[in-house]
N, C-alpha and C. Protein backbone atom coordinates (compact mmCIF):
# COMPACT_ATOMS: atom_id res chain seq x y z
N UNK A 1 -248.15 32.93 223.77
CA UNK A 1 -249.11 32.07 224.44
C UNK A 1 -248.83 31.05 223.54
N UNK A 2 -249.05 31.49 221.97
CA UNK A 2 -249.39 30.10 221.47
C UNK A 2 -247.94 28.94 220.98
N UNK A 3 -246.85 30.42 220.94
CA UNK A 3 -245.83 29.55 220.57
C UNK A 3 -244.97 29.49 221.77
N UNK A 4 -245.62 29.42 222.85
CA UNK A 4 -245.00 29.17 224.04
C UNK A 4 -245.60 27.51 223.71
N UNK A 5 -246.47 27.06 223.84
CA UNK A 5 -247.44 26.16 223.79
C UNK A 5 -246.88 25.03 222.86
N UNK A 6 -246.46 25.58 221.60
CA UNK A 6 -246.16 24.54 220.79
C UNK A 6 -244.53 24.38 221.23
N UNK A 7 -243.70 24.75 222.00
CA UNK A 7 -243.00 25.04 222.17
C UNK A 7 -242.61 23.87 223.76
N UNK A 8 -243.11 23.66 223.29
CA UNK A 8 -243.35 22.93 225.30
C UNK A 8 -243.91 21.41 224.43
N UNK A 9 -244.83 20.95 223.88
CA UNK A 9 -245.19 20.25 222.71
C UNK A 9 -244.05 19.93 222.16
N UNK A 10 -243.34 20.89 221.86
CA UNK A 10 -241.78 19.80 221.19
C UNK A 10 -240.65 19.54 221.94
N UNK A 11 -240.96 20.38 223.12
CA UNK A 11 -239.58 19.88 223.83
C UNK A 11 -239.98 18.19 224.36
N UNK A 12 -241.92 18.54 224.80
CA UNK A 12 -242.14 17.55 225.33
C UNK A 12 -241.59 15.59 224.55
N UNK A 13 -241.60 16.79 222.99
CA UNK A 13 -241.49 15.06 222.47
C UNK A 13 -240.42 15.46 222.98
N UNK A 14 -239.67 15.99 222.26
CA UNK A 14 -237.55 16.19 221.84
C UNK A 14 -237.17 16.43 220.53
N UNK A 15 -236.63 16.98 221.14
CA UNK A 15 -235.19 17.55 219.92
C UNK A 15 -234.06 16.93 219.75
N UNK A 16 -233.53 17.28 218.59
CA UNK A 16 -232.28 17.17 218.05
C UNK A 16 -231.36 18.32 218.40
N UNK A 17 -230.06 18.65 219.06
CA UNK A 17 -229.81 19.15 219.00
C UNK A 17 -227.84 19.32 219.23
N UNK A 18 -227.42 20.01 218.57
CA UNK A 18 -225.78 20.11 219.22
C UNK A 18 -225.07 20.70 220.73
N UNK A 19 -224.81 19.70 221.16
CA UNK A 19 -224.08 20.51 222.43
C UNK A 19 -222.77 21.02 222.11
N UNK A 20 -222.58 22.43 222.12
CA UNK A 20 -220.84 22.70 222.24
C UNK A 20 -220.00 22.17 223.41
N UNK A 21 -218.80 21.16 223.44
CA UNK A 21 -217.98 21.28 224.42
C UNK A 21 -216.87 22.56 224.37
N UNK A 22 -216.16 22.29 225.36
CA UNK A 22 -215.60 23.37 225.85
C UNK A 22 -214.52 24.15 224.84
N UNK A 23 -213.98 23.16 223.75
CA UNK A 23 -213.11 23.45 222.31
C UNK A 23 -213.85 24.03 221.11
N UNK A 24 -215.09 23.59 221.75
CA UNK A 24 -216.07 24.11 220.54
C UNK A 24 -216.67 23.47 219.64
N UNK A 25 -216.26 22.19 220.11
CA UNK A 25 -216.65 20.87 218.69
C UNK A 25 -218.19 20.32 219.54
N UNK A 26 -218.98 20.59 218.25
CA UNK A 26 -220.46 20.08 218.19
C UNK A 26 -220.29 19.02 218.44
N UNK A 27 -221.45 18.29 219.46
CA UNK A 27 -221.58 16.67 219.37
C UNK A 27 -223.52 16.78 219.39
N UNK A 28 -223.55 15.75 218.23
CA UNK A 28 -225.37 15.71 218.48
C UNK A 28 -225.84 15.23 219.91
N UNK A 29 -227.10 15.76 220.13
CA UNK A 29 -227.43 15.27 221.63
C UNK A 29 -228.90 15.13 221.12
N UNK A 30 -229.84 15.01 222.27
CA UNK A 30 -231.57 15.14 222.19
C UNK A 30 -231.49 15.51 223.66
N UNK A 31 -233.13 16.45 223.22
CA UNK A 31 -233.31 17.40 225.02
C UNK A 31 -234.32 17.25 224.34
N UNK A 32 -235.61 16.71 225.59
CA UNK A 32 -236.45 16.64 225.84
C UNK A 32 -237.22 16.78 227.18
N UNK A 33 -238.44 17.45 227.43
CA UNK A 33 -238.73 18.16 229.04
C UNK A 33 -239.70 16.77 229.05
N UNK A 34 -239.38 16.42 230.60
CA UNK A 34 -240.16 15.26 231.48
C UNK A 34 -240.96 15.48 231.82
N UNK A 35 -241.75 14.48 231.66
CA UNK A 35 -243.10 14.44 231.65
C UNK A 35 -243.63 15.59 233.09
N UNK A 36 -243.34 15.81 233.72
CA UNK A 36 -243.50 16.46 234.90
C UNK A 36 -243.50 18.00 234.53
N UNK A 37 -242.94 18.24 233.58
CA UNK A 37 -242.43 19.93 233.08
C UNK A 37 -241.39 21.10 233.87
N UNK A 38 -240.76 20.05 234.79
CA UNK A 38 -239.83 20.89 235.92
C UNK A 38 -238.52 20.75 234.97
N UNK A 39 -237.84 19.68 234.74
CA UNK A 39 -236.57 19.30 233.87
C UNK A 39 -236.37 18.82 232.75
N UNK A 40 -235.31 19.35 232.05
CA UNK A 40 -234.41 19.39 231.51
C UNK A 40 -234.13 18.10 231.05
N UNK A 41 -233.55 17.00 229.95
CA UNK A 41 -233.46 15.83 229.95
C UNK A 41 -232.40 15.64 228.78
N UNK A 42 -230.99 15.89 228.82
CA UNK A 42 -230.45 16.05 227.68
C UNK A 42 -229.66 14.39 227.11
N UNK A 43 -229.47 14.27 226.31
CA UNK A 43 -228.76 13.33 226.25
C UNK A 43 -227.36 13.57 225.15
N UNK A 44 -226.52 12.95 225.23
CA UNK A 44 -225.29 13.34 224.43
C UNK A 44 -224.36 12.81 224.74
N UNK A 45 -224.06 11.93 223.28
CA UNK A 45 -222.37 10.87 223.82
C UNK A 45 -222.55 10.47 224.87
N UNK A 46 -223.98 9.43 225.08
CA UNK A 46 -223.95 7.97 225.54
C UNK A 46 -224.60 8.61 227.24
N UNK A 47 -224.38 10.13 226.88
CA UNK A 47 -224.64 10.66 228.95
C UNK A 47 -225.69 11.20 228.83
N UNK A 48 -226.24 11.34 230.16
CA UNK A 48 -227.26 11.81 230.55
C UNK A 48 -227.36 12.85 231.49
N UNK A 49 -228.22 13.58 231.36
CA UNK A 49 -227.60 14.98 232.41
C UNK A 49 -229.27 15.57 232.57
N UNK A 50 -229.63 15.68 233.91
CA UNK A 50 -230.91 16.50 233.89
C UNK A 50 -230.61 18.16 234.89
N UNK A 51 -231.50 18.72 233.69
CA UNK A 51 -231.20 20.34 234.29
C UNK A 51 -232.82 19.84 235.18
N UNK A 52 -232.57 20.74 235.91
CA UNK A 52 -234.14 21.38 236.03
C UNK A 52 -234.51 22.82 236.22
N UNK A 53 -235.46 23.39 235.36
CA UNK A 53 -235.65 24.55 234.70
C UNK A 53 -235.82 25.46 235.90
N UNK A 54 -236.13 25.30 237.01
CA UNK A 54 -235.75 26.66 238.14
C UNK A 54 -234.66 26.68 238.60
N UNK A 55 -233.48 25.73 238.03
CA UNK A 55 -231.93 25.76 238.19
C UNK A 55 -231.22 26.80 237.26
N UNK A 56 -232.38 27.00 236.12
CA UNK A 56 -232.00 28.12 234.90
C UNK A 56 -231.79 29.14 235.99
N UNK A 57 -230.23 29.72 235.38
CA UNK A 57 -230.73 31.16 236.60
C UNK A 57 -230.32 32.01 234.52
N UNK A 58 -230.14 31.89 233.56
CA UNK A 58 -230.31 32.46 232.66
C UNK A 58 -230.26 31.55 230.58
N UNK A 59 -230.44 32.34 230.33
CA UNK A 59 -230.49 32.01 228.61
C UNK A 59 -230.21 33.31 228.11
N UNK A 60 -229.11 33.08 226.62
CA UNK A 60 -228.75 33.79 225.93
C UNK A 60 -228.65 33.34 224.56
N UNK A 61 -228.56 33.86 224.13
CA UNK A 61 -227.90 33.94 223.02
C UNK A 61 -226.12 34.84 223.00
N UNK A 62 -225.80 34.54 221.72
CA UNK A 62 -224.30 35.22 221.84
C UNK A 62 -224.28 36.62 221.90
N UNK A 63 -225.09 36.87 220.88
CA UNK A 63 -224.91 38.71 220.63
C UNK A 63 -225.58 39.38 222.70
N UNK A 64 -226.44 38.65 222.81
CA UNK A 64 -226.45 38.80 224.16
C UNK A 64 -225.47 38.30 225.49
N UNK A 65 -224.91 37.77 224.89
CA UNK A 65 -223.66 36.99 225.73
C UNK A 65 -222.67 38.21 226.34
N UNK A 66 -222.32 39.24 226.78
CA UNK A 66 -221.23 40.02 227.08
C UNK A 66 -220.80 39.53 228.94
N UNK A 67 -221.64 38.46 229.44
CA UNK A 67 -221.38 38.37 230.96
C UNK A 67 -220.81 37.04 230.35
N UNK A 68 -220.71 36.24 229.31
CA UNK A 68 -219.85 35.02 229.62
C UNK A 68 -218.72 35.16 229.40
N UNK A 69 -218.15 34.56 229.70
CA UNK A 69 -216.29 34.51 229.63
C UNK A 69 -215.54 34.15 228.54
N UNK A 70 -214.60 35.06 227.77
CA UNK A 70 -213.80 34.81 227.05
C UNK A 70 -213.99 33.16 226.29
N UNK A 71 -213.78 32.73 227.07
CA UNK A 71 -213.34 30.54 226.46
C UNK A 71 -214.46 30.08 225.91
N UNK A 72 -215.49 31.04 226.41
CA UNK A 72 -216.64 30.12 225.97
C UNK A 72 -216.96 31.13 225.14
N UNK A 73 -217.11 32.23 225.22
CA UNK A 73 -217.99 33.51 224.25
C UNK A 73 -217.43 32.70 222.68
N UNK A 74 -215.71 32.59 223.01
CA UNK A 74 -215.52 32.77 221.18
C UNK A 74 -215.85 31.22 220.72
N UNK A 75 -216.26 30.44 220.96
CA UNK A 75 -216.82 29.10 220.52
C UNK A 75 -218.35 29.40 219.88
N UNK A 76 -218.59 30.41 220.74
CA UNK A 76 -220.05 30.82 219.97
C UNK A 76 -220.37 31.55 219.20
N UNK A 77 -221.24 31.38 217.90
CA UNK A 77 -221.47 32.32 217.18
C UNK A 77 -223.03 32.24 217.17
N UNK A 78 -224.47 33.05 216.07
CA UNK A 78 -225.59 33.25 216.08
C UNK A 78 -226.60 32.01 215.83
N UNK A 79 -225.73 31.12 216.35
CA UNK A 79 -226.80 29.59 216.32
C UNK A 79 -226.55 29.07 217.84
N UNK A 80 -225.79 29.92 218.70
CA UNK A 80 -225.05 29.36 219.97
C UNK A 80 -226.69 29.76 220.81
N UNK A 81 -227.35 29.28 222.36
CA UNK A 81 -227.69 29.84 223.06
C UNK A 81 -227.11 28.72 224.83
N UNK A 82 -226.50 30.02 225.13
CA UNK A 82 -225.68 29.43 226.30
C UNK A 82 -226.83 29.57 227.74
N UNK A 83 -226.62 28.23 228.54
CA UNK A 83 -227.70 28.34 230.05
C UNK A 83 -227.02 28.09 231.30
N UNK A 84 -226.73 29.42 232.09
CA UNK A 84 -226.20 29.18 233.52
C UNK A 84 -227.11 28.37 234.25
N UNK A 85 -226.45 27.38 234.73
CA UNK A 85 -227.54 27.08 235.75
C UNK A 85 -226.84 26.75 236.99
N UNK A 86 -227.40 26.98 237.66
CA UNK A 86 -226.56 26.76 239.21
C UNK A 86 -226.16 26.15 239.76
N UNK A 87 -225.08 25.32 240.40
CA UNK A 87 -224.61 26.73 241.24
C UNK A 87 -223.81 27.48 240.82
N UNK A 88 -223.50 26.16 239.74
CA UNK A 88 -222.12 27.32 238.78
C UNK A 88 -221.47 26.22 237.38
N UNK A 89 -222.39 25.94 237.22
CA UNK A 89 -222.04 25.31 235.25
C UNK A 89 -223.07 25.95 234.27
N UNK A 90 -222.55 25.26 233.64
CA UNK A 90 -223.06 25.93 231.69
C UNK A 90 -223.41 24.99 231.09
N UNK A 91 -223.91 24.89 229.93
CA UNK A 91 -224.20 23.89 228.70
C UNK A 91 -224.85 25.33 227.36
N UNK A 92 -223.99 25.05 226.67
CA UNK A 92 -224.01 25.52 225.45
C UNK A 92 -225.03 24.81 224.32
N UNK A 93 -225.85 25.47 224.02
CA UNK A 93 -226.44 24.31 222.61
C UNK A 93 -226.30 25.34 221.07
N UNK A 94 -225.94 24.55 219.76
CA UNK A 94 -225.94 24.94 218.75
C UNK A 94 -227.18 24.76 217.50
N UNK A 95 -227.73 25.42 217.65
CA UNK A 95 -229.56 24.88 217.01
C UNK A 95 -228.95 25.58 215.44
N UNK A 96 -229.80 24.74 214.22
CA UNK A 96 -229.51 24.84 213.17
C UNK A 96 -229.58 26.14 211.90
N UNK A 97 -230.69 27.24 212.66
CA UNK A 97 -230.34 28.36 212.14
C UNK A 97 -230.51 29.61 213.04
N UNK A 98 -230.48 31.04 212.79
CA UNK A 98 -230.86 31.89 213.81
C UNK A 98 -231.96 32.40 214.24
N UNK A 99 -233.31 32.02 213.63
CA UNK A 99 -234.15 32.11 213.71
C UNK A 99 -234.58 30.83 215.01
N UNK A 100 -234.24 29.38 214.72
CA UNK A 100 -234.18 28.26 216.07
C UNK A 100 -233.78 28.96 216.92
N UNK A 101 -232.48 29.14 216.50
CA UNK A 101 -231.56 30.11 217.92
C UNK A 101 -232.61 31.24 218.52
N UNK A 102 -233.13 31.85 217.92
CA UNK A 102 -233.51 32.53 218.79
C UNK A 102 -235.07 32.51 219.82
N UNK A 103 -235.84 31.68 218.72
CA UNK A 103 -237.31 30.85 219.20
C UNK A 103 -237.05 30.35 220.55
N UNK A 104 -235.53 29.42 220.69
CA UNK A 104 -235.29 28.75 221.46
C UNK A 104 -235.43 29.22 222.34
N UNK A 105 -234.02 30.20 222.41
CA UNK A 105 -233.80 30.83 223.91
C UNK A 105 -234.91 31.89 224.31
N UNK A 106 -235.54 32.15 223.52
CA UNK A 106 -236.80 33.15 224.17
C UNK A 106 -238.11 32.12 225.19
N UNK A 107 -238.67 31.03 224.49
CA UNK A 107 -238.99 30.25 224.65
C UNK A 107 -238.60 29.48 225.83
N UNK A 108 -237.10 28.81 226.12
CA UNK A 108 -236.72 28.41 227.10
C UNK A 108 -236.68 29.43 228.01
N UNK A 109 -236.60 30.70 227.76
CA UNK A 109 -236.37 32.12 229.10
C UNK A 109 -237.57 31.95 229.89
N UNK A 110 -239.01 31.75 228.92
CA UNK A 110 -239.74 32.06 228.94
C UNK A 110 -239.97 31.33 230.24
N UNK A 111 -240.22 29.86 229.99
CA UNK A 111 -240.58 28.71 230.22
C UNK A 111 -239.60 28.06 231.75
N UNK A 112 -238.80 28.96 232.06
CA UNK A 112 -237.96 28.47 233.07
C UNK A 112 -238.27 29.67 233.85
N UNK A 113 -238.80 30.42 233.93
CA UNK A 113 -238.92 32.28 234.15
C UNK A 113 -237.39 33.05 234.72
N UNK A 114 -236.79 32.42 234.17
CA UNK A 114 -235.55 33.64 234.52
C UNK A 114 -235.15 34.28 234.82
N UNK A 115 -234.38 35.04 236.41
CA UNK A 115 -234.28 36.34 236.56
C UNK A 115 -233.93 37.30 235.91
N UNK A 116 -233.14 36.79 234.92
CA UNK A 116 -231.65 38.13 234.29
C UNK A 116 -232.31 37.96 232.95
N UNK A 117 -232.71 39.03 232.25
CA UNK A 117 -232.75 38.70 230.88
C UNK A 117 -231.84 39.60 229.89
N UNK A 118 -232.09 39.44 228.87
CA UNK A 118 -230.68 39.78 227.84
C UNK A 118 -231.33 41.41 227.97
N UNK A 119 -231.63 42.54 227.76
CA UNK A 119 -231.84 43.82 228.10
C UNK A 119 -231.20 43.60 229.52
N UNK A 120 -231.78 43.17 230.57
CA UNK A 120 -231.02 43.64 231.44
C UNK A 120 -229.42 43.07 231.80
N UNK A 121 -229.01 42.10 231.22
CA UNK A 121 -227.51 42.21 231.22
C UNK A 121 -226.79 42.89 230.14
N UNK A 122 -227.93 43.91 229.09
CA UNK A 122 -226.67 45.09 228.23
C UNK A 122 -227.12 46.21 228.89
N UNK A 123 -227.27 46.54 230.50
CA UNK A 123 -227.32 47.83 230.86
C UNK A 123 -225.61 47.27 231.42
N UNK A 124 -225.50 48.55 231.85
CA UNK A 124 -223.84 49.36 231.68
C UNK A 124 -223.83 48.23 233.55
N UNK A 125 -224.57 48.44 234.45
CA UNK A 125 -224.86 47.72 235.53
C UNK A 125 -225.45 46.59 235.86
N UNK A 126 -225.63 45.60 235.35
CA UNK A 126 -226.93 44.80 235.96
C UNK A 126 -226.47 44.16 237.27
N UNK A 127 -227.91 43.78 237.29
CA UNK A 127 -227.93 43.17 238.77
C UNK A 127 -227.43 41.75 238.27
N UNK A 128 -227.09 41.09 238.27
CA UNK A 128 -226.82 39.68 238.55
C UNK A 128 -227.20 39.22 239.44
N UNK A 129 -228.06 38.02 239.60
CA UNK A 129 -228.15 37.14 240.50
C UNK A 129 -226.87 36.96 241.43
N UNK A 130 -226.50 36.25 242.27
CA UNK A 130 -225.08 36.15 242.64
C UNK A 130 -224.57 34.32 242.58
N UNK A 131 -225.81 33.97 242.34
CA UNK A 131 -225.38 32.60 241.46
C UNK A 131 -224.78 32.95 239.98
N UNK A 132 -225.16 33.73 240.02
CA UNK A 132 -224.46 33.61 237.99
C UNK A 132 -223.20 34.00 238.36
N UNK A 133 -222.96 34.82 239.20
CA UNK A 133 -221.84 35.75 239.29
C UNK A 133 -220.98 34.79 239.36
N UNK A 134 -220.99 33.30 240.62
CA UNK A 134 -220.15 32.27 240.61
C UNK A 134 -220.47 31.57 239.53
N UNK A 135 -221.38 31.24 239.27
CA UNK A 135 -220.88 30.28 237.82
C UNK A 135 -220.08 31.18 236.96
N UNK A 136 -219.77 32.62 236.63
CA UNK A 136 -219.58 33.24 235.59
C UNK A 136 -217.43 32.93 236.50
N UNK A 137 -217.67 33.07 238.18
CA UNK A 137 -216.45 32.91 238.22
C UNK A 137 -215.55 31.73 237.95
N UNK A 138 -216.62 30.68 238.69
CA UNK A 138 -215.79 29.33 238.84
C UNK A 138 -215.31 28.99 237.26
N UNK A 139 -216.31 29.53 236.10
CA UNK A 139 -215.96 28.82 235.07
C UNK A 139 -214.96 30.13 234.75
N UNK A 140 -214.37 30.96 234.93
CA UNK A 140 -213.23 31.68 234.58
C UNK A 140 -212.11 30.66 235.08
N UNK A 141 -212.17 30.21 236.05
CA UNK A 141 -211.66 29.83 237.39
C UNK A 141 -210.97 28.37 236.85
N UNK A 142 -211.99 27.73 235.74
CA UNK A 142 -212.00 26.02 235.71
C UNK A 142 -211.92 26.07 234.23
N UNK A 143 -211.34 27.16 233.41
CA UNK A 143 -211.09 26.84 231.97
C UNK A 143 -212.28 26.37 231.78
N UNK A 144 -213.24 26.81 232.21
CA UNK A 144 -214.94 26.88 231.31
C UNK A 144 -215.78 25.40 231.40
N UNK A 145 -215.51 23.95 232.08
CA UNK A 145 -216.60 23.09 232.35
C UNK A 145 -217.73 23.09 231.99
N UNK A 146 -217.73 22.72 230.44
CA UNK A 146 -219.18 22.97 231.17
C UNK A 146 -219.90 21.38 231.50
N UNK A 147 -219.58 20.62 231.60
CA UNK A 147 -219.92 19.76 232.48
C UNK A 147 -219.71 18.01 231.11
N UNK A 148 -219.97 18.08 229.80
CA UNK A 148 -219.71 17.28 229.21
C UNK A 148 -218.40 16.37 228.95
């Protein structure tokens, strides 16, 4: 509980992190939580993208991300955290350390109240929400456009 409060305070103030482009290039950006604590505001390469927390379907690290299409997975490493966003997009962050990536993933997952956890994804027959399946299919069919 205390860790989540600290995460919310930090994210509300804003954090710097890298966003991975489709080709694996890392671009520096900033991420903050809006004043109402309902939207992530991402600023990358002069562009602003708002992501409502309730639109984030899944949060996972590379080790948990067997559901991510191969062309996206191959650019991820142990420092990365991927978000699947309804209806059919994703964004991948690269943090400074494995511990930072794990903390970011777990805290954001708790903050979003994501429907599926990495443990559920690790099962042989995961029951993924329909919007996640659509995002995966759309990503595979459109060469994984992350939107950046």
